[in-house]
């Protein structure tokens, strides 16, 4: 079993500097990561330039798991999720 909370904290650290998550959002991210991230990216997309295609690709890739708890995902899936999210903020 992998440590899902570690990855939730990593996602939180990606979102906080952009005002898309508050400190201590990791628990909520762990419970429902895709829904949380998609809501954050919807806000980010309104204020970013040139990221719409990346955000659309992210949405299309992960939308089917919108209600899935991170603990029910594979570690490989979560790693890919984090990498894809990181690309949006590069």
PDB file of N, CA and C in Angstrom:
ATOM      1  N   UNK A   1       0.845  -1.184   0.000  1.00  0.00           N
ATOM      2  CA  UNK A   1       0.000   0.000   0.000  1.00  0.00           C
ATOM      3  C   UNK A   1       0.887   1.243   0.000  1.00  0.00           C
ATOM      4  N   UNK A   2       0.577   2.185  -0.849  1.00  0.00           N
ATOM      5  CA  UNK A   2       1.363   3.410  -0.918  1.00  0.00           C
ATOM      6  C   UNK A   2       0.777   4.475   0.006  1.00  0.00           C
ATOM      7  N   UNK A   3       1.553   5.500   0.265  1.00  0.00           N
ATOM      8  CA  UNK A   3       1.131   6.582   1.144  1.00  0.00           C
ATOM      9  C   UNK A   3       0.429   7.656   0.317  1.00  0.00           C
ATOM     10  N   UNK A   4      -0.880   7.550   0.202  1.00  0.00           N
ATOM     11  CA  UNK A   4      -1.662   8.488  -0.602  1.00  0.00           C
ATOM     12  C   UNK A   4      -1.554   9.908  -0.062  1.00  0.00           C
ATOM     13  N   UNK A   5      -1.431  10.045   1.245  1.00  0.00           N
ATOM     14  CA  UNK A   5      -1.375  11.383   1.830  1.00  0.00           C
ATOM     15  C   UNK A   5      -0.129  12.142   1.365  1.00  0.00           C
ATOM     16  N   UNK A   6       0.970  11.436   1.168  1.00  0.00           N
ATOM     17  CA  UNK A   6       2.187  12.057   0.644  1.00  0.00           C
ATOM     18  C   UNK A   6       1.904  12.717  -0.706  1.00  0.00           C
ATOM     19  N   UNK A   7       1.203  12.013  -1.583  1.00  0.00           N
ATOM     20  CA  UNK A   7       0.889  12.562  -2.903  1.00  0.00           C
ATOM     21  C   UNK A   7      -0.135  13.693  -2.801  1.00  0.00           C
ATOM     22  N   UNK A   8      -1.067  13.587  -1.873  1.00  0.00           N
ATOM     23  CA  UNK A   8      -2.036  14.663  -1.670  1.00  0.00           C
ATOM     24  C   UNK A   8      -1.325  15.942  -1.233  1.00  0.00           C
ATOM     25  N   UNK A   9      -0.331  15.810  -0.382  1.00  0.00           N
ATOM     26  CA  UNK A   9       0.459  16.972   0.040  1.00  0.00           C
ATOM     27  C   UNK A   9       1.224  17.542  -1.147  1.00  0.00           C
ATOM     28  N   UNK A  10       1.757  16.684  -1.996  1.00  0.00           N
ATOM     29  CA  UNK A  10       2.469  17.146  -3.191  1.00  0.00           C
ATOM     30  C   UNK A  10       1.550  17.952  -4.101  1.00  0.00           C
ATOM     31  N   UNK A  11       0.330  17.484  -4.271  1.00  0.00           N
ATOM     32  CA  UNK A  11      -0.651  18.203  -5.089  1.00  0.00           C
ATOM     33  C   UNK A  11      -0.998  19.532  -4.435  1.00  0.00           C
ATOM     34  N   UNK A  12      -1.208  19.507  -3.131  1.00  0.00           N
ATOM     35  CA  UNK A  12      -1.489  20.739  -2.399  1.00  0.00           C
ATOM     36  C   UNK A  12      -0.381  21.762  -2.632  1.00  0.00           C
ATOM     37  N   UNK A  13       0.869  21.325  -2.567  1.00  0.00           N
ATOM     38  CA  UNK A  13       2.007  22.231  -2.753  1.00  0.00           C
ATOM     39  C   UNK A  13       2.064  22.804  -4.167  1.00  0.00           C
ATOM     40  N   UNK A  14       1.532  22.086  -5.135  1.00  0.00           N
ATOM     41  CA  UNK A  14       1.448  22.622  -6.495  1.00  0.00           C
ATOM     42  C   UNK A  14       0.360  23.684  -6.615  1.00  0.00           C
ATOM     43  N   UNK A  15      -0.731  23.497  -5.900  1.00  0.00           N
ATOM     44  CA  UNK A  15      -1.894  24.374  -6.035  1.00  0.00           C
ATOM     45  C   UNK A  15      -1.832  25.630  -5.174  1.00  0.00           C
ATOM     46  N   UNK A  16      -1.267  25.534  -3.985  1.00  0.00           N
ATOM     47  CA  UNK A  16      -1.271  26.654  -3.033  1.00  0.00           C
ATOM     48  C   UNK A  16      -0.638  27.928  -3.603  1.00  0.00           C
ATOM     49  N   UNK A  17       0.529  27.871  -4.236  1.00  0.00           N
ATOM     50  CA  UNK A  17       1.137  29.113  -4.738  1.00  0.00           C
ATOM     51  C   UNK A  17       0.286  29.855  -5.775  1.00  0.00           C
ATOM     52  N   UNK A  18      -0.644  29.157  -6.386  1.00  0.00           N
ATOM     53  CA  UNK A  18      -1.514  29.758  -7.392  1.00  0.00           C
ATOM     54  C   UNK A  18      -2.864  30.167  -6.804  1.00  0.00           C
ATOM     55  N   UNK A  19      -3.001  30.029  -5.490  1.00  0.00           N
ATOM     56  CA  UNK A  19      -4.247  30.382  -4.823  1.00  0.00           C
ATOM     57  C   UNK A  19      -5.376  29.408  -5.113  1.00  0.00           C
ATOM     58  N   UNK A  20      -5.033  28.184  -5.480  1.00  0.00           N
ATOM     59  CA  UNK A  20      -6.042  27.200  -5.873  1.00  0.00           C
ATOM     60  C   UNK A  20      -6.355  26.189  -4.785  1.00  0.00           C
ATOM     61  N   UNK A  21      -5.666  26.290  -3.673  1.00  0.00           N
ATOM     62  CA  UNK A  21      -5.908  25.426  -2.512  1.00  0.00           C
ATOM     63  C   UNK A  21      -5.398  26.163  -1.288  1.00  0.00           C
ATOM     64  N   UNK A  22      -5.997  25.872  -0.161  1.00  0.00           N
ATOM     65  CA  UNK A  22      -5.516  26.441   1.082  1.00  0.00           C
ATOM     66  C   UNK A  22      -4.534  25.501   1.746  1.00  0.00           C
ATOM     67  N   UNK A  23      -3.803  26.034   2.696  1.00  0.00           N
ATOM     68  CA  UNK A  23      -2.940  25.166   3.493  1.00  0.00           C
ATOM     69  C   UNK A  23      -3.839  24.125   4.164  1.00  0.00           C
ATOM     70  N   UNK A  24      -3.336  22.940   4.318  1.00  0.00           N
ATOM     71  CA  UNK A  24      -4.057  21.835   4.955  1.00  0.00           C
ATOM     72  C   UNK A  24      -5.235  21.330   4.114  1.00  0.00           C
ATOM     73  N   UNK A  25      -5.126  21.448   2.802  1.00  0.00           N
ATOM     74  CA  UNK A  25      -6.141  20.903   1.890  1.00  0.00           C
ATOM     75  C   UNK A  25      -5.876  19.448   1.537  1.00  0.00           C
ATOM     76  N   UNK A  26      -4.766  18.907   1.992  1.00  0.00           N
ATOM     77  CA  UNK A  26      -4.349  17.560   1.587  1.00  0.00           C
ATOM     78  C   UNK A  26      -5.389  16.491   1.929  1.00  0.00           C
ATOM     79  N   UNK A  27      -6.053  16.605   3.068  1.00  0.00           N
ATOM     80  CA  UNK A  27      -7.064  15.601   3.430  1.00  0.00           C
ATOM     81  C   UNK A  27      -8.194  15.573   2.404  1.00  0.00           C
ATOM     82  N   UNK A  28      -8.653  16.754   2.025  1.00  0.00           N
ATOM     83  CA  UNK A  28      -9.723  16.838   1.032  1.00  0.00           C
ATOM     84  C   UNK A  28      -9.243  16.336  -0.329  1.00  0.00           C
ATOM     85  N   UNK A  29      -8.013  16.678  -0.690  1.00  0.00           N
ATOM     86  CA  UNK A  29      -7.437  16.206  -1.951  1.00  0.00           C
ATOM     87  C   UNK A  29      -7.345  14.686  -1.942  1.00  0.00           C
ATOM     88  N   UNK A  30      -6.921  14.118  -0.833  1.00  0.00           N
ATOM     89  CA  UNK A  30      -6.802  12.658  -0.730  1.00  0.00           C
ATOM     90  C   UNK A  30      -8.162  11.977  -0.889  1.00  0.00           C
ATOM     91  N   UNK A  31      -9.196  12.561  -0.298  1.00  0.00           N
ATOM     92  CA  UNK A  31     -10.540  11.973  -0.371  1.00  0.00           C
ATOM     93  C   UNK A  31     -11.101  12.002  -1.790  1.00  0.00           C
ATOM     94  N   UNK A  32     -10.838  13.092  -2.502  1.00  0.00           N
ATOM     95  CA  UNK A  32     -11.453  13.265  -3.820  1.00  0.00           C
ATOM     96  C   UNK A  32     -10.530  14.084  -4.720  1.00  0.00           C
ATOM     97  N   UNK A  33      -9.392  13.524  -5.105  1.00  0.00           N
ATOM     98  CA  UNK A  33      -8.367  14.310  -5.800  1.00  0.00           C
ATOM     99  C   UNK A  33      -8.792  14.866  -7.152  1.00  0.00           C
ATOM    100  N   UNK A  34      -9.445  14.081  -7.954  1.00  0.00           N
ATOM    101  CA  UNK A  34      -9.781  14.539  -9.303  1.00  0.00           C
ATOM    102  C   UNK A  34     -10.790  15.677  -9.244  1.00  0.00           C
ATOM    103  N   UNK A  35     -11.824  15.512  -8.452  1.00  0.00           N
ATOM    104  CA  UNK A  35     -12.830  16.566  -8.330  1.00  0.00           C
ATOM    105  C   UNK A  35     -12.197  17.854  -7.807  1.00  0.00           C
ATOM    106  N   UNK A  36     -11.342  17.741  -6.806  1.00  0.00           N
ATOM    107  CA  UNK A  36     -10.674  18.908  -6.231  1.00  0.00           C
ATOM    108  C   UNK A  36      -9.807  19.594  -7.283  1.00  0.00           C
ATOM    109  N   UNK A  37      -9.002  18.810  -7.987  1.00  0.00           N
ATOM    110  CA  UNK A  37      -8.085  19.366  -8.981  1.00  0.00           C
ATOM    111  C   UNK A  37      -8.856  19.987 -10.142  1.00  0.00           C
ATOM    112  N   UNK A  38      -9.884  19.315 -10.621  1.00  0.00           N
ATOM    113  CA  UNK A  38     -10.645  19.860 -11.746  1.00  0.00           C
ATOM    114  C   UNK A  38     -11.305  21.182 -11.383  1.00  0.00           C
ATOM    115  N   UNK A  39     -11.811  21.303 -10.167  1.00  0.00           N
ATOM    116  CA  UNK A  39     -12.396  22.570  -9.723  1.00  0.00           C
ATOM    117  C   UNK A  39     -11.326  23.660  -9.673  1.00  0.00           C
ATOM    118  N   UNK A  40     -10.143  23.313  -9.179  1.00  0.00           N
ATOM    119  CA  UNK A  40      -9.043  24.278  -9.119  1.00  0.00           C
ATOM    120  C   UNK A  40      -8.605  24.688 -10.518  1.00  0.00           C
ATOM    121  N   UNK A  41      -8.523  23.730 -11.418  1.00  0.00           N
ATOM    122  CA  UNK A  41      -8.086  24.036 -12.785  1.00  0.00           C
ATOM    123  C   UNK A  41      -9.109  24.875 -13.539  1.00  0.00           C
ATOM    124  N   UNK A  42     -10.373  24.723 -13.203  1.00  0.00           N
ATOM    125  CA  UNK A  42     -11.404  25.560 -13.819  1.00  0.00           C
ATOM    126  C   UNK A  42     -11.156  27.028 -13.471  1.00  0.00           C
ATOM    127  N   UNK A  43     -10.819  27.290 -12.232  1.00  0.00           N
ATOM    128  CA  UNK A  43     -10.493  28.654 -11.800  1.00  0.00           C
ATOM    129  C   UNK A  43      -9.198  29.116 -12.462  1.00  0.00           C
ATOM    130  N   UNK A  44      -8.195  28.266 -12.453  1.00  0.00           N
ATOM    131  CA  UNK A  44      -6.888  28.605 -13.030  1.00  0.00           C
ATOM    132  C   UNK A  44      -7.006  28.907 -14.521  1.00  0.00           C
ATOM    133  N   UNK A  45      -7.823  28.147 -15.227  1.00  0.00           N
ATOM    134  CA  UNK A  45      -7.986  28.326 -16.672  1.00  0.00           C
ATOM    135  C   UNK A  45      -8.522  29.708 -17.008  1.00  0.00           C
ATOM    136  N   UNK A  46      -9.348  30.266 -16.160  1.00  0.00           N
ATOM    137  CA  UNK A  46      -9.917  31.599 -16.395  1.00  0.00           C
ATOM    138  C   UNK A  46      -8.864  32.692 -16.300  1.00  0.00           C
ATOM    139  N   UNK A  47      -7.767  32.425 -15.580  1.00  0.00           N
ATOM    140  CA  UNK A  47      -6.758  33.450 -15.329  1.00  0.00           C
ATOM    141  C   UNK A  47      -5.410  33.143 -15.972  1.00  0.00           C
ATOM    142  N   UNK A  48      -5.296  32.022 -16.624  1.00  0.00           N
ATOM    143  CA  UNK A  48      -4.019  31.648 -17.235  1.00  0.00           C
ATOM    144  C   UNK A  48      -4.097  31.862 -18.738  1.00  0.00           C
ATOM    145  N   UNK A  49      -2.953  31.987 -19.336  1.00  0.00           N
ATOM    146  CA  UNK A  49      -2.937  32.098 -20.790  1.00  0.00           C
ATOM    147  C   UNK A  49      -2.124  30.941 -21.353  1.00  0.00           C
ATOM    148  N   UNK A  50      -2.652  30.331 -22.371  1.00  0.00           N
ATOM    149  CA  UNK A  50      -1.935  29.260 -23.035  1.00  0.00           C
ATOM    150  C   UNK A  50      -1.982  27.910 -22.347  1.00  0.00           C
ATOM    151  N   UNK A  51      -2.793  27.768 -21.333  1.00  0.00           N
ATOM    152  CA  UNK A  51      -2.858  26.498 -20.601  1.00  0.00           C
ATOM    153  C   UNK A  51      -4.142  25.718 -20.880  1.00  0.00           C
ATOM    154  N   UNK A  52      -5.036  26.291 -21.651  1.00  0.00           N
ATOM    155  CA  UNK A  52      -6.339  25.667 -21.874  1.00  0.00           C
ATOM    156  C   UNK A  52      -6.210  24.271 -22.471  1.00  0.00           C
ATOM    157  N   UNK A  53      -5.336  24.093 -23.439  1.00  0.00           N
ATOM    158  CA  UNK A  53      -5.166  22.780 -24.078  1.00  0.00           C
ATOM    159  C   UNK A  53      -4.682  21.739 -23.069  1.00  0.00           C
ATOM    160  N   UNK A  54      -3.694  22.108 -22.239  1.00  0.00           N
ATOM    161  CA  UNK A  54      -3.197  21.185 -21.214  1.00  0.00           C
ATOM    162  C   UNK A  54      -4.292  20.832 -20.212  1.00  0.00           C
ATOM    163  N   UNK A  55      -5.063  21.828 -19.824  1.00  0.00           N
ATOM    164  CA  UNK A  55      -6.150  21.607 -18.863  1.00  0.00           C
ATOM    165  C   UNK A  55      -7.230  20.722 -19.478  1.00  0.00           C
ATOM    166  N   UNK A  56      -7.570  20.974 -20.731  1.00  0.00           N
ATOM    167  CA  UNK A  56      -8.559  20.131 -21.418  1.00  0.00           C
ATOM    168  C   UNK A  56      -8.077  18.688 -21.511  1.00  0.00           C
ATOM    169  N   UNK A  57      -6.811  18.510 -21.835  1.00  0.00           N
ATOM    170  CA  UNK A  57      -6.247  17.158 -21.910  1.00  0.00           C
ATOM    171  C   UNK A  57      -6.296  16.467 -20.554  1.00  0.00           C
ATOM    172  N   UNK A  58      -5.984  17.208 -19.493  1.00  0.00           N
ATOM    173  CA  UNK A  58      -6.031  16.669 -18.135  1.00  0.00           C
ATOM    174  C   UNK A  58      -7.461  16.229 -17.813  1.00  0.00           C
ATOM    175  N   UNK A  59      -8.413  17.114 -18.085  1.00  0.00           N
ATOM    176  CA  UNK A  59      -9.817  16.809 -17.814  1.00  0.00           C
ATOM    177  C   UNK A  59     -10.260  15.541 -18.550  1.00  0.00           C
ATOM    178  N   UNK A  60      -9.946  15.477 -19.836  1.00  0.00           N
ATOM    179  CA  UNK A  60     -10.354  14.315 -20.638  1.00  0.00           C
ATOM    180  C   UNK A  60      -9.722  13.021 -20.145  1.00  0.00           C
ATOM    181  N   UNK A  61      -8.515  13.108 -19.650  1.00  0.00           N
ATOM    182  CA  UNK A  61      -7.805  11.917 -19.182  1.00  0.00           C
ATOM    183  C   UNK A  61      -8.348  11.405 -17.848  1.00  0.00           C
ATOM    184  N   UNK A  62      -8.746  12.320 -16.964  1.00  0.00           N
ATOM    185  CA  UNK A  62      -9.071  11.927 -15.587  1.00  0.00           C
ATOM    186  C   UNK A  62     -10.544  12.052 -15.197  1.00  0.00           C
ATOM    187  N   UNK A  63     -11.389  12.590 -16.051  1.00  0.00           N
ATOM    188  CA  UNK A  63     -12.776  12.866 -15.663  1.00  0.00           C
ATOM    189  C   UNK A  63     -13.547  11.627 -15.206  1.00  0.00           C
ATOM    190  N   UNK A  64     -13.219  10.463 -15.723  1.00  0.00           N
ATOM    191  CA  UNK A  64     -13.952   9.247 -15.340  1.00  0.00           C
ATOM    192  C   UNK A  64     -13.682   8.813 -13.907  1.00  0.00           C
ATOM    193  N   UNK A  65     -12.638   9.337 -13.302  1.00  0.00           N
ATOM    194  CA  UNK A  65     -12.295   8.989 -11.920  1.00  0.00           C
ATOM    195  C   UNK A  65     -12.600  10.130 -10.953  1.00  0.00           C
ATOM    196  N   UNK A  66     -13.501  11.005 -11.361  1.00  0.00           N
ATOM    197  CA  UNK A  66     -13.777  12.218 -10.595  1.00  0.00           C
ATOM    198  C   UNK A  66     -14.223  11.948  -9.157  1.00  0.00           C
ATOM    199  N   UNK A  67     -14.856  10.848  -8.895  1.00  0.00           N
ATOM    200  CA  UNK A  67     -15.362  10.552  -7.541  1.00  0.00           C
ATOM    201  C   UNK A  67     -14.528   9.501  -6.811  1.00  0.00           C
ATOM    202  N   UNK A  68     -13.333   9.204  -7.308  1.00  0.00           N
ATOM    203  CA  UNK A  68     -12.512   8.138  -6.742  1.00  0.00           C
ATOM    204  C   UNK A  68     -11.571   8.661  -5.667  1.00  0.00           C
ATOM    205  N   UNK A  69     -11.576   8.027  -4.523  1.00  0.00           N
ATOM    206  CA  UNK A  69     -10.657   8.343  -3.435  1.00  0.00           C
ATOM    207  C   UNK A  69      -9.245   7.947  -3.857  1.00  0.00           C
ATOM    208  N   UNK A  70      -8.266   8.759  -3.498  1.00  0.00           N
ATOM    209  CA  UNK A  70      -6.888   8.480  -3.883  1.00  0.00           C
ATOM    210  C   UNK A  70      -6.420   7.120  -3.368  1.00  0.00           C
ATOM    211  N   UNK A  71      -6.913   6.692  -2.229  1.00  0.00           N
ATOM    212  CA  UNK A  71      -6.531   5.394  -1.673  1.00  0.00           C
ATOM    213  C   UNK A  71      -7.018   4.225  -2.525  1.00  0.00           C
ATOM    214  N   UNK A  72      -7.963   4.481  -3.414  1.00  0.00           N
ATOM    215  CA  UNK A  72      -8.481   3.447  -4.307  1.00  0.00           C
ATOM    216  C   UNK A  72      -7.838   3.491  -5.692  1.00  0.00           C
ATOM    217  N   UNK A  73      -6.842   4.328  -5.848  1.00  0.00           N
ATOM    218  CA  UNK A  73      -6.096   4.431  -7.104  1.00  0.00           C
ATOM    219  C   UNK A  73      -4.771   3.700  -6.938  1.00  0.00           C
ATOM    220  N   UNK A  74      -4.178   3.322  -8.039  1.00  0.00           N
ATOM    221  CA  UNK A  74      -2.846   2.714  -7.959  1.00  0.00           C
ATOM    222  C   UNK A  74      -1.800   3.819  -7.792  1.00  0.00           C
ATOM    223  N   UNK A  75      -0.685   3.459  -7.212  1.00  0.00           N
ATOM    224  CA  UNK A  75       0.381   4.447  -7.033  1.00  0.00           C
ATOM    225  C   UNK A  75       0.873   4.959  -8.385  1.00  0.00           C
ATOM    226  N   UNK A  76       0.971   4.106  -9.366  1.00  0.00           N
ATOM    227  CA  UNK A  76       1.420   4.518 -10.696  1.00  0.00           C
ATOM    228  C   UNK A  76       0.473   5.558 -11.288  1.00  0.00           C
ATOM    229  N   UNK A  77      -0.819   5.351 -11.100  1.00  0.00           N
ATOM    230  CA  UNK A  77      -1.830   6.287 -11.591  1.00  0.00           C
ATOM    231  C   UNK A  77      -1.663   7.647 -10.914  1.00  0.00           C
ATOM    232  N   UNK A  78      -1.462   7.638  -9.613  1.00  0.00           N
ATOM    233  CA  UNK A  78      -1.316   8.882  -8.858  1.00  0.00           C
ATOM    234  C   UNK A  78      -0.031   9.605  -9.256  1.00  0.00           C
ATOM    235  N   UNK A  79       1.035   8.867  -9.478  1.00  0.00           N
ATOM    236  CA  UNK A  79       2.289   9.480  -9.925  1.00  0.00           C
ATOM    237  C   UNK A  79       2.076  10.174 -11.269  1.00  0.00           C
ATOM    238  N   UNK A  80       1.404   9.509 -12.186  1.00  0.00           N
ATOM    239  CA  UNK A  80       1.119  10.103 -13.495  1.00  0.00           C
ATOM    240  C   UNK A  80       0.229  11.327 -13.350  1.00  0.00           C
ATOM    241  N   UNK A  81      -0.767  11.246 -12.481  1.00  0.00           N
ATOM    242  CA  UNK A  81      -1.643  12.381 -12.196  1.00  0.00           C
ATOM    243  C   UNK A  81      -0.824  13.583 -11.730  1.00  0.00           C
ATOM    244  N   UNK A  82       0.080  13.367 -10.800  1.00  0.00           N
ATOM    245  CA  UNK A  82       0.927  14.450 -10.281  1.00  0.00           C
ATOM    246  C   UNK A  82       1.824  15.026 -11.370  1.00  0.00           C
ATOM    247  N   UNK A  83       2.389  14.168 -12.191  1.00  0.00           N
ATOM    248  CA  UNK A  83       3.252  14.633 -13.285  1.00  0.00           C
ATOM    249  C   UNK A  83       2.458  15.458 -14.293  1.00  0.00           C
ATOM    250  N   UNK A  84       1.265  15.009 -14.630  1.00  0.00           N
ATOM    251  CA  UNK A  84       0.423  15.750 -15.568  1.00  0.00           C
ATOM    252  C   UNK A  84       0.031  17.108 -14.989  1.00  0.00           C
ATOM    253  N   UNK A  85      -0.289  17.137 -13.720  1.00  0.00           N
ATOM    254  CA  UNK A  85      -0.642  18.397 -13.069  1.00  0.00           C
ATOM    255  C   UNK A  85       0.565  19.335 -13.026  1.00  0.00           C
ATOM    256  N   UNK A  86       1.717  18.804 -12.722  1.00  0.00           N
ATOM    257  CA  UNK A  86       2.944  19.605 -12.667  1.00  0.00           C
ATOM    258  C   UNK A  86       3.226  20.273 -14.017  1.00  0.00           C
ATOM    259  N   UNK A  87       2.977  19.564 -15.110  1.00  0.00           N
ATOM    260  CA  UNK A  87       3.195  20.118 -16.459  1.00  0.00           C
ATOM    261  C   UNK A  87       2.341  21.359 -16.701  1.00  0.00           C
ATOM    262  N   UNK A  88       1.154  21.370 -16.156  1.00  0.00           N
ATOM    263  CA  UNK A  88       0.263  22.520 -16.336  1.00  0.00           C
ATOM    264  C   UNK A  88       0.866  23.766 -15.700  1.00  0.00           C
ATOM    265  N   UNK A  89       1.553  23.608 -14.591  1.00  0.00           N
ATOM    266  CA  UNK A  89       2.081  24.764 -13.858  1.00  0.00           C
ATOM    267  C   UNK A  89       3.530  25.096 -14.192  1.00  0.00           C
ATOM    268  N   UNK A  90       4.105  24.423 -15.179  1.00  0.00           N
ATOM    269  CA  UNK A  90       5.490  24.728 -15.572  1.00  0.00           C
ATOM    270  C   UNK A  90       5.551  26.054 -16.290  1.00  0.00           C
TER     271      UNK A  90
END
